[in-house]
């Protein structure tokens, strides 16, 4: 059985972009210009992979920071202050600790 996708993937980029725009409008009448989809479809694959990797790395950093914050908010904030003030906790002076 042939599906809509089977036909869609044979379209040229401009026709794909317009079809995607039309489909988006059919979902809750949201207007997204075909140019947006055309630009995304014309983006080099390496750039798309890079964006995906960046999001995954950002998510990993976020989860790590969230875990540290949940475990001990006071030490987490002190660590952030040390980073911001460029203080190394191993070599911290008494006045800096205050």
PDB file of N, CA and C in Angstrom:
ATOM      1  N   UNK A   1       0.830  -1.165   0.000  1.00  0.00           N
ATOM      2  CA  UNK A   1       0.000   0.000   0.000  1.00  0.00           C
ATOM      3  C   UNK A   1       0.891   1.251   0.000  1.00  0.00           C
ATOM      4  N   UNK A   2       0.642   2.161  -0.906  1.00  0.00           N
ATOM      5  CA  UNK A   2       1.402   3.389  -1.033  1.00  0.00           C
ATOM      6  C   UNK A   2       0.895   4.409  -0.006  1.00  0.00           C
ATOM      7  N   UNK A   3       1.826   5.119   0.641  1.00  0.00           N
ATOM      8  CA  UNK A   3       1.445   6.115   1.648  1.00  0.00           C
ATOM      9  C   UNK A   3       1.727   7.528   1.129  1.00  0.00           C
ATOM     10  N   UNK A   4       1.271   8.506   1.893  1.00  0.00           N
ATOM     11  CA  UNK A   4       1.525   9.907   1.536  1.00  0.00           C
ATOM     12  C   UNK A   4       3.024  10.194   1.546  1.00  0.00           C
ATOM     13  N   UNK A   5       3.741   9.564   2.454  1.00  0.00           N
ATOM     14  CA  UNK A   5       5.186   9.756   2.523  1.00  0.00           C
ATOM     15  C   UNK A   5       5.882   9.269   1.256  1.00  0.00           C
ATOM     16  N   UNK A   6       5.444   8.151   0.723  1.00  0.00           N
ATOM     17  CA  UNK A   6       6.037   7.611  -0.500  1.00  0.00           C
ATOM     18  C   UNK A   6       6.002   8.639  -1.629  1.00  0.00           C
ATOM     19  N   UNK A   7       4.923   9.365  -1.709  1.00  0.00           N
ATOM     20  CA  UNK A   7       4.786  10.406  -2.728  1.00  0.00           C
ATOM     21  C   UNK A   7       5.583  11.653  -2.326  1.00  0.00           C
ATOM     22  N   UNK A   8       5.506  12.008  -1.055  1.00  0.00           N
ATOM     23  CA  UNK A   8       6.149  13.219  -0.534  1.00  0.00           C
ATOM     24  C   UNK A   8       7.654  13.217  -0.750  1.00  0.00           C
ATOM     25  N   UNK A   9       8.307  12.085  -0.478  1.00  0.00           N
ATOM     26  CA  UNK A   9       9.771  12.077  -0.575  1.00  0.00           C
ATOM     27  C   UNK A   9      10.280  12.170  -2.009  1.00  0.00           C
ATOM     28  N   UNK A  10       9.390  12.173  -2.983  1.00  0.00           N
ATOM     29  CA  UNK A  10       9.794  12.346  -4.388  1.00  0.00           C
ATOM     30  C   UNK A  10       9.660  13.811  -4.843  1.00  0.00           C
ATOM     31  N   UNK A  11       9.053  14.639  -4.008  1.00  0.00           N
ATOM     32  CA  UNK A  11       8.857  16.051  -4.359  1.00  0.00           C
ATOM     33  C   UNK A  11      10.197  16.780  -4.374  1.00  0.00           C
ATOM     34  N   UNK A  12      10.306  17.842  -5.194  1.00  0.00           N
ATOM     35  CA  UNK A  12      11.472  18.719  -5.084  1.00  0.00           C
ATOM     36  C   UNK A  12      11.365  19.497  -3.759  1.00  0.00           C
ATOM     37  N   UNK A  13      12.466  20.065  -3.318  1.00  0.00           N
ATOM     38  CA  UNK A  13      12.516  20.744  -2.017  1.00  0.00           C
ATOM     39  C   UNK A  13      11.434  21.813  -1.871  1.00  0.00           C
ATOM     40  N   UNK A  14      11.234  22.640  -2.886  1.00  0.00           N
ATOM     41  CA  UNK A  14      10.241  23.717  -2.798  1.00  0.00           C
ATOM     42  C   UNK A  14       8.837  23.150  -2.580  1.00  0.00           C
ATOM     43  N   UNK A  15       8.499  22.083  -3.274  1.00  0.00           N
ATOM     44  CA  UNK A  15       7.179  21.454  -3.135  1.00  0.00           C
ATOM     45  C   UNK A  15       7.046  20.792  -1.757  1.00  0.00           C
ATOM     46  N   UNK A  16       8.133  20.172  -1.268  1.00  0.00           N
ATOM     47  CA  UNK A  16       8.124  19.590   0.075  1.00  0.00           C
ATOM     48  C   UNK A  16       7.859  20.676   1.120  1.00  0.00           C
ATOM     49  N   UNK A  17       8.567  21.789   0.978  1.00  0.00           N
ATOM     50  CA  UNK A  17       8.428  22.891   1.932  1.00  0.00           C
ATOM     51  C   UNK A  17       6.990  23.407   1.945  1.00  0.00           C
ATOM     52  N   UNK A  18       6.393  23.582   0.772  1.00  0.00           N
ATOM     53  CA  UNK A  18       5.017  24.071   0.704  1.00  0.00           C
ATOM     54  C   UNK A  18       4.047  23.053   1.306  1.00  0.00           C
ATOM     55  N   UNK A  19       4.269  21.789   1.040  1.00  0.00           N
ATOM     56  CA  UNK A  19       3.419  20.738   1.592  1.00  0.00           C
ATOM     57  C   UNK A  19       3.522  20.708   3.113  1.00  0.00           C
ATOM     58  N   UNK A  20       4.723  20.855   3.633  1.00  0.00           N
ATOM     59  CA  UNK A  20       4.909  20.884   5.083  1.00  0.00           C
ATOM     60  C   UNK A  20       4.216  22.097   5.698  1.00  0.00           C
ATOM     61  N   UNK A  21       4.313  23.221   5.022  1.00  0.00           N
ATOM     62  CA  UNK A  21       3.634  24.427   5.485  1.00  0.00           C
ATOM     63  C   UNK A  21       2.122  24.209   5.529  1.00  0.00           C
ATOM     64  N   UNK A  22       1.595  23.588   4.484  1.00  0.00           N
ATOM     65  CA  UNK A  22       0.155  23.298   4.432  1.00  0.00           C
ATOM     66  C   UNK A  22      -0.253  22.328   5.549  1.00  0.00           C
ATOM     67  N   UNK A  23       0.559  21.305   5.775  1.00  0.00           N
ATOM     68  CA  UNK A  23       0.241  20.336   6.826  1.00  0.00           C
ATOM     69  C   UNK A  23       0.266  20.998   8.206  1.00  0.00           C
ATOM     70  N   UNK A  24       1.222  21.901   8.403  1.00  0.00           N
ATOM     71  CA  UNK A  24       1.312  22.605   9.683  1.00  0.00           C
ATOM     72  C   UNK A  24       0.067  23.454   9.901  1.00  0.00           C
ATOM     73  N   UNK A  25      -0.406  24.105   8.847  1.00  0.00           N
ATOM     74  CA  UNK A  25      -1.618  24.923   8.977  1.00  0.00           C
ATOM     75  C   UNK A  25      -2.820  24.063   9.344  1.00  0.00           C
ATOM     76  N   UNK A  26      -2.886  22.883   8.789  1.00  0.00           N
ATOM     77  CA  UNK A  26      -4.007  21.989   9.099  1.00  0.00           C
ATOM     78  C   UNK A  26      -4.017  21.574  10.567  1.00  0.00           C
ATOM     79  N   UNK A  27      -2.874  21.678  11.214  1.00  0.00           N
ATOM     80  CA  UNK A  27      -2.786  21.362  12.641  1.00  0.00           C
ATOM     81  C   UNK A  27      -2.969  22.660  13.421  1.00  0.00           C
ATOM     82  N   UNK A  28      -4.129  22.870  13.967  1.00  0.00           N
ATOM     83  CA  UNK A  28      -4.458  24.042  14.793  1.00  0.00           C
ATOM     84  C   UNK A  28      -4.246  25.373  14.069  1.00  0.00           C
ATOM     85  N   UNK A  29      -4.356  25.381  12.754  1.00  0.00           N
ATOM     86  CA  UNK A  29      -4.270  26.588  11.935  1.00  0.00           C
ATOM     87  C   UNK A  29      -3.046  27.456  12.251  1.00  0.00           C
ATOM     88  N   UNK A  30      -1.913  26.806  12.380  1.00  0.00           N
ATOM     89  CA  UNK A  30      -0.666  27.503  12.649  1.00  0.00           C
ATOM     90  C   UNK A  30       0.023  27.802  11.327  1.00  0.00           C
ATOM     91  N   UNK A  31       0.357  29.046  11.092  1.00  0.00           N
ATOM     92  CA  UNK A  31       0.999  29.433   9.835  1.00  0.00           C
ATOM     93  C   UNK A  31       2.523  29.468   9.991  1.00  0.00           C
ATOM     94  N   UNK A  32       3.182  28.643   9.217  1.00  0.00           N
ATOM     95  CA  UNK A  32       4.642  28.635   9.141  1.00  0.00           C
ATOM     96  C   UNK A  32       4.977  28.780   7.663  1.00  0.00           C
ATOM     97  N   UNK A  33       5.731  29.818   7.305  1.00  0.00           N
ATOM     98  CA  UNK A  33       6.029  30.031   5.882  1.00  0.00           C
ATOM     99  C   UNK A  33       6.810  28.866   5.275  1.00  0.00           C
ATOM    100  N   UNK A  34       6.525  28.574   4.030  1.00  0.00           N
ATOM    101  CA  UNK A  34       7.214  27.491   3.322  1.00  0.00           C
ATOM    102  C   UNK A  34       8.720  27.740   3.296  1.00  0.00           C
ATOM    103  N   UNK A  35       9.145  29.011   3.272  1.00  0.00           N
ATOM    104  CA  UNK A  35      10.570  29.359   3.246  1.00  0.00           C
ATOM    105  C   UNK A  35      11.301  28.771   4.463  1.00  0.00           C
ATOM    106  N   UNK A  36      10.640  28.762   5.612  1.00  0.00           N
ATOM    107  CA  UNK A  36      11.243  28.189   6.823  1.00  0.00           C
ATOM    108  C   UNK A  36      11.603  26.714   6.587  1.00  0.00           C
ATOM    109  N   UNK A  37      10.667  25.969   6.048  1.00  0.00           N
ATOM    110  CA  UNK A  37      10.914  24.550   5.785  1.00  0.00           C
ATOM    111  C   UNK A  37      11.935  24.361   4.666  1.00  0.00           C
ATOM    112  N   UNK A  38      11.873  25.217   3.663  1.00  0.00           N
ATOM    113  CA  UNK A  38      12.817  25.122   2.553  1.00  0.00           C
ATOM    114  C   UNK A  38      14.247  25.340   3.055  1.00  0.00           C
ATOM    115  N   UNK A  39      14.417  26.319   3.948  1.00  0.00           N
ATOM    116  CA  UNK A  39      15.746  26.572   4.524  1.00  0.00           C
ATOM    117  C   UNK A  39      16.232  25.371   5.336  1.00  0.00           C
ATOM    118  N   UNK A  40      15.333  24.787   6.124  1.00  0.00           N
ATOM    119  CA  UNK A  40      15.710  23.614   6.921  1.00  0.00           C
ATOM    120  C   UNK A  40      16.043  22.418   6.049  1.00  0.00           C
ATOM    121  N   UNK A  41      15.255  22.203   4.999  1.00  0.00           N
ATOM    122  CA  UNK A  41      15.500  21.066   4.106  1.00  0.00           C
ATOM    123  C   UNK A  41      16.790  21.245   3.306  1.00  0.00           C
ATOM    124  N   UNK A  42      17.202  22.487   3.093  1.00  0.00           N
ATOM    125  CA  UNK A  42      18.425  22.763   2.345  1.00  0.00           C
ATOM    126  C   UNK A  42      19.668  22.831   3.216  1.00  0.00           C
ATOM    127  N   UNK A  43      19.491  22.676   4.518  1.00  0.00           N
ATOM    128  CA  UNK A  43      20.611  22.743   5.452  1.00  0.00           C
ATOM    129  C   UNK A  43      21.489  21.505   5.292  1.00  0.00           C
ATOM    130  N   UNK A  44      22.811  21.685   5.291  1.00  0.00           N
ATOM    131  CA  UNK A  44      23.710  20.525   5.175  1.00  0.00           C
ATOM    132  C   UNK A  44      23.480  19.542   6.333  1.00  0.00           C
ATOM    133  N   UNK A  45      23.569  18.272   6.050  1.00  0.00           N
ATOM    134  CA  UNK A  45      23.320  17.233   7.042  1.00  0.00           C
ATOM    135  C   UNK A  45      24.277  17.364   8.232  1.00  0.00           C
ATOM    136  N   UNK A  46      25.528  17.703   7.956  1.00  0.00           N
ATOM    137  CA  UNK A  46      26.512  17.844   9.035  1.00  0.00           C
ATOM    138  C   UNK A  46      26.073  18.913  10.028  1.00  0.00           C
ATOM    139  N   UNK A  47      25.498  19.987   9.523  1.00  0.00           N
ATOM    140  CA  UNK A  47      25.016  21.076  10.381  1.00  0.00           C
ATOM    141  C   UNK A  47      23.828  20.612  11.228  1.00  0.00           C
ATOM    142  N   UNK A  48      22.944  19.817  10.646  1.00  0.00           N
ATOM    143  CA  UNK A  48      21.792  19.291  11.379  1.00  0.00           C
ATOM    144  C   UNK A  48      22.255  18.355  12.497  1.00  0.00           C
ATOM    145  N   UNK A  49      23.248  17.514  12.201  1.00  0.00           N
ATOM    146  CA  UNK A  49      23.784  16.588  13.203  1.00  0.00           C
ATOM    147  C   UNK A  49      24.454  17.383  14.319  1.00  0.00           C
ATOM    148  N   UNK A  50      25.189  18.420  13.938  1.00  0.00           N
ATOM    149  CA  UNK A  50      25.871  19.263  14.923  1.00  0.00           C
ATOM    150  C   UNK A  50      24.858  19.897  15.879  1.00  0.00           C
ATOM    151  N   UNK A  51      23.743  20.391  15.352  1.00  0.00           N
ATOM    152  CA  UNK A  51      22.697  20.978  16.184  1.00  0.00           C
ATOM    153  C   UNK A  51      22.138  19.948  17.158  1.00  0.00           C
ATOM    154  N   UNK A  52      21.923  18.745  16.676  1.00  0.00           N
ATOM    155  CA  UNK A  52      21.381  17.675  17.512  1.00  0.00           C
ATOM    156  C   UNK A  52      22.357  17.305  18.622  1.00  0.00           C
ATOM    157  N   UNK A  53      23.637  17.212  18.297  1.00  0.00           N
ATOM    158  CA  UNK A  53      24.664  16.891  19.285  1.00  0.00           C
ATOM    159  C   UNK A  53      24.731  18.003  20.330  1.00  0.00           C
ATOM    160  N   UNK A  54      24.647  19.253  19.893  1.00  0.00           N
ATOM    161  CA  UNK A  54      24.677  20.381  20.822  1.00  0.00           C
ATOM    162  C   UNK A  54      23.521  20.315  21.812  1.00  0.00           C
ATOM    163  N   UNK A  55      22.344  19.990  21.325  1.00  0.00           N
ATOM    164  CA  UNK A  55      21.174  19.892  22.197  1.00  0.00           C
ATOM    165  C   UNK A  55      21.364  18.755  23.203  1.00  0.00           C
ATOM    166  N   UNK A  56      21.878  17.624  22.751  1.00  0.00           N
ATOM    167  CA  UNK A  56      22.105  16.498  23.655  1.00  0.00           C
ATOM    168  C   UNK A  56      23.152  16.823  24.717  1.00  0.00           C
ATOM    169  N   UNK A  57      24.220  17.508  24.328  1.00  0.00           N
ATOM    170  CA  UNK A  57      25.236  17.905  25.296  1.00  0.00           C
ATOM    171  C   UNK A  57      24.675  18.919  26.296  1.00  0.00           C
ATOM    172  N   UNK A  58      23.921  19.858  25.802  1.00  0.00           N
ATOM    173  CA  UNK A  58      23.292  20.846  26.686  1.00  0.00           C
ATOM    174  C   UNK A  58      22.373  20.148  27.682  1.00  0.00           C
ATOM    175  N   UNK A  59      21.620  19.172  27.218  1.00  0.00           N
ATOM    176  CA  UNK A  59      20.733  18.425  28.096  1.00  0.00           C
ATOM    177  C   UNK A  59      21.528  17.667  29.166  1.00  0.00           C
ATOM    178  N   UNK A  60      22.666  17.096  28.793  1.00  0.00           N
ATOM    179  CA  UNK A  60      23.520  16.392  29.750  1.00  0.00           C
ATOM    180  C   UNK A  60      24.037  17.357  30.817  1.00  0.00           C
ATOM    181  N   UNK A  61      24.503  18.524  30.398  1.00  0.00           N
ATOM    182  CA  UNK A  61      24.975  19.532  31.357  1.00  0.00           C
ATOM    183  C   UNK A  61      23.833  19.962  32.276  1.00  0.00           C
ATOM    184  N   UNK A  62      22.667  20.191  31.703  1.00  0.00           N
ATOM    185  CA  UNK A  62      21.503  20.616  32.487  1.00  0.00           C
ATOM    186  C   UNK A  62      21.158  19.585  33.560  1.00  0.00           C
ATOM    187  N   UNK A  63      21.091  18.306  33.159  1.00  0.00           N
ATOM    188  CA  UNK A  63      20.743  17.249  34.121  1.00  0.00           C
ATOM    189  C   UNK A  63      21.777  17.154  35.240  1.00  0.00           C
ATOM    190  N   UNK A  64      23.052  17.288  34.886  1.00  0.00           N
ATOM    191  CA  UNK A  64      24.118  17.237  35.885  1.00  0.00           C
ATOM    192  C   UNK A  64      23.976  18.380  36.873  1.00  0.00           C
ATOM    193  N   UNK A  65      23.789  19.593  36.347  1.00  0.00           N
ATOM    194  CA  UNK A  65      23.639  20.757  37.226  1.00  0.00           C
ATOM    195  C   UNK A  65      22.396  20.651  38.092  1.00  0.00           C
ATOM    196  N   UNK A  66      21.315  20.165  37.519  1.00  0.00           N
ATOM    197  CA  UNK A  66      20.069  20.001  38.268  1.00  0.00           C
ATOM    198  C   UNK A  66      20.258  19.018  39.413  1.00  0.00           C
ATOM    199  N   UNK A  67      20.957  17.926  39.158  1.00  0.00           N
ATOM    200  CA  UNK A  67      21.235  16.929  40.195  1.00  0.00           C
ATOM    201  C   UNK A  67      22.069  17.544  41.316  1.00  0.00           C
ATOM    202  N   UNK A  68      23.117  18.282  40.949  1.00  0.00           N
ATOM    203  CA  UNK A  68      23.961  18.936  41.950  1.00  0.00           C
ATOM    204  C   UNK A  68      23.172  19.954  42.775  1.00  0.00           C
ATOM    205  N   UNK A  69      22.321  20.708  42.108  1.00  0.00           N
ATOM    206  CA  UNK A  69      21.490  21.693  42.810  1.00  0.00           C
ATOM    207  C   UNK A  69      20.542  21.009  43.784  1.00  0.00           C
ATOM    208  N   UNK A  70      19.928  19.920  43.345  1.00  0.00           N
ATOM    209  CA  UNK A  70      18.988  19.192  44.195  1.00  0.00           C
ATOM    210  C   UNK A  70      19.678  18.550  45.397  1.00  0.00           C
ATOM    211  N   UNK A  71      20.912  18.076  45.220  1.00  0.00           N
ATOM    212  CA  UNK A  71      21.639  17.402  46.296  1.00  0.00           C
ATOM    213  C   UNK A  71      22.060  18.365  47.401  1.00  0.00           C
ATOM    214  N   UNK A  72      22.582  19.540  47.010  1.00  0.00           N
ATOM    215  CA  UNK A  72      23.031  20.499  48.017  1.00  0.00           C
ATOM    216  C   UNK A  72      23.027  21.903  47.413  1.00  0.00           C
ATOM    217  N   UNK A  73      21.905  22.607  47.535  1.00  0.00           N
ATOM    218  CA  UNK A  73      21.787  23.935  46.926  1.00  0.00           C
ATOM    219  C   UNK A  73      22.852  24.932  47.397  1.00  0.00           C
ATOM    220  N   UNK A  74      23.212  24.875  48.689  1.00  0.00           N
ATOM    221  CA  UNK A  74      24.200  25.820  49.223  1.00  0.00           C
ATOM    222  C   UNK A  74      25.560  25.622  48.553  1.00  0.00           C
ATOM    223  N   UNK A  75      26.043  24.387  48.500  1.00  0.00           N
ATOM    224  CA  UNK A  75      27.334  24.133  47.883  1.00  0.00           C
ATOM    225  C   UNK A  75      27.303  24.405  46.392  1.00  0.00           C
ATOM    226  N   UNK A  76      26.176  24.136  45.772  1.00  0.00           N
ATOM    227  CA  UNK A  76      26.038  24.411  44.338  1.00  0.00           C
ATOM    228  C   UNK A  76      26.212  25.908  44.073  1.00  0.00           C
ATOM    229  N   UNK A  77      25.516  26.734  44.858  1.00  0.00           N
ATOM    230  CA  UNK A  77      25.610  28.188  44.676  1.00  0.00           C
ATOM    231  C   UNK A  77      27.018  28.686  44.992  1.00  0.00           C
ATOM    232  N   UNK A  78      27.658  28.107  46.026  1.00  0.00           N
ATOM    233  CA  UNK A  78      29.032  28.497  46.351  1.00  0.00           C
ATOM    234  C   UNK A  78      29.973  28.150  45.197  1.00  0.00           C
ATOM    235  N   UNK A  79      29.757  26.997  44.595  1.00  0.00           N
ATOM    236  CA  UNK A  79      30.590  26.585  43.456  1.00  0.00           C
ATOM    237  C   UNK A  79      30.395  27.544  42.279  1.00  0.00           C
ATOM    238  N   UNK A  80      29.150  27.942  42.028  1.00  0.00           N
ATOM    239  CA  UNK A  80      28.893  28.903  40.946  1.00  0.00           C
ATOM    240  C   UNK A  80      29.572  30.243  41.225  1.00  0.00           C
ATOM    241  N   UNK A  81      29.503  30.689  42.476  1.00  0.00           N
ATOM    242  CA  UNK A  81      30.185  31.935  42.844  1.00  0.00           C
ATOM    243  C   UNK A  81      31.689  31.815  42.632  1.00  0.00           C
ATOM    244  N   UNK A  82      32.261  30.694  43.020  1.00  0.00           N
ATOM    245  CA  UNK A  82      33.696  30.479  42.800  1.00  0.00           C
ATOM    246  C   UNK A  82      34.039  30.561  41.315  1.00  0.00           C
ATOM    247  N   UNK A  83      33.224  29.936  40.498  1.00  0.00           N
ATOM    248  CA  UNK A  83      33.458  30.008  39.053  1.00  0.00           C
ATOM    249  C   UNK A  83      33.363  31.441  38.554  1.00  0.00           C
ATOM    250  N   UNK A  84      32.332  32.149  39.001  1.00  0.00           N
ATOM    251  CA  UNK A  84      32.104  33.521  38.563  1.00  0.00           C
ATOM    252  C   UNK A  84      33.237  34.448  39.000  1.00  0.00           C
ATOM    253  N   UNK A  85      33.724  34.247  40.223  1.00  0.00           N
ATOM    254  CA  UNK A  85      34.782  35.105  40.768  1.00  0.00           C
ATOM    255  C   UNK A  85      36.185  34.576  40.460  1.00  0.00           C
ATOM    256  N   UNK A  86      36.237  33.450  39.731  1.00  0.00           N
ATOM    257  CA  UNK A  86      37.513  32.818  39.357  1.00  0.00           C
ATOM    258  C   UNK A  86      38.351  32.470  40.585  1.00  0.00           C
ATOM    259  N   UNK A  87      37.671  31.878  41.568  1.00  0.00           N
ATOM    260  CA  UNK A  87      38.320  31.420  42.792  1.00  0.00           C
ATOM    261  C   UNK A  87      38.362  29.897  42.759  1.00  0.00           C
ATOM    262  N   UNK A  88      39.537  29.335  43.064  1.00  0.00           N
ATOM    263  CA  UNK A  88      39.660  27.883  43.150  1.00  0.00           C
ATOM    264  C   UNK A  88      39.410  27.477  44.596  1.00  0.00           C
ATOM    265  N   UNK A  89      38.381  26.680  44.865  1.00  0.00           N
ATOM    266  CA  UNK A  89      38.073  26.305  46.249  1.00  0.00           C
ATOM    267  C   UNK A  89      39.244  25.653  46.990  1.00  0.00           C
ATOM    268  N   UNK A  90      40.105  24.922  46.298  1.00  0.00           N
ATOM    269  CA  UNK A  90      41.242  24.269  46.952  1.00  0.00           C
ATOM    270  C   UNK A  90      42.222  25.297  47.524  1.00  0.00           C
ATOM    271  N   UNK A  91      42.257  26.492  46.946  1.00  0.00           N
ATOM    272  CA  UNK A  91      43.195  27.530  47.380  1.00  0.00           C
ATOM    273  C   UNK A  91      42.461  28.752  47.943  1.00  0.00           C
ATOM    274  N   UNK A  92      41.273  28.569  48.453  1.00  0.00           N
ATOM    275  CA  UNK A  92      40.443  29.686  48.882  1.00  0.00           C
ATOM    276  C   UNK A  92      41.000  30.314  50.164  1.00  0.00           C
ATOM    277  N   UNK A  93      40.955  31.631  50.228  1.00  0.00           N
ATOM    278  CA  UNK A  93      41.380  32.373  51.414  1.00  0.00           C
ATOM    279  C   UNK A  93      40.170  32.569  52.326  1.00  0.00           C
ATOM    280  N   UNK A  94      40.448  32.837  53.587  1.00  0.00           N
ATOM    281  CA  UNK A  94      39.362  32.989  54.565  1.00  0.00           C
ATOM    282  C   UNK A  94      38.393  34.101  54.170  1.00  0.00           C
ATOM    283  N   UNK A  95      38.916  35.237  53.718  1.00  0.00           N
ATOM    284  CA  UNK A  95      38.028  36.350  53.342  1.00  0.00           C
ATOM    285  C   UNK A  95      37.191  36.022  52.106  1.00  0.00           C
ATOM    286  N   UNK A  96      37.751  35.204  51.217  1.00  0.00           N
ATOM    287  CA  UNK A  96      36.993  34.789  50.039  1.00  0.00           C
ATOM    288  C   UNK A  96      35.884  33.818  50.423  1.00  0.00           C
ATOM    289  N   UNK A  97      36.147  32.970  51.410  1.00  0.00           N
ATOM    290  CA  UNK A  97      35.139  32.021  51.870  1.00  0.00           C
ATOM    291  C   UNK A  97      33.942  32.741  52.474  1.00  0.00           C
ATOM    292  N   UNK A  98      34.211  33.844  53.154  1.00  0.00           N
ATOM    293  CA  UNK A  98      33.129  34.644  53.744  1.00  0.00           C
ATOM    294  C   UNK A  98      32.291  35.279  52.645  1.00  0.00           C
TER     295      UNK A  98
END
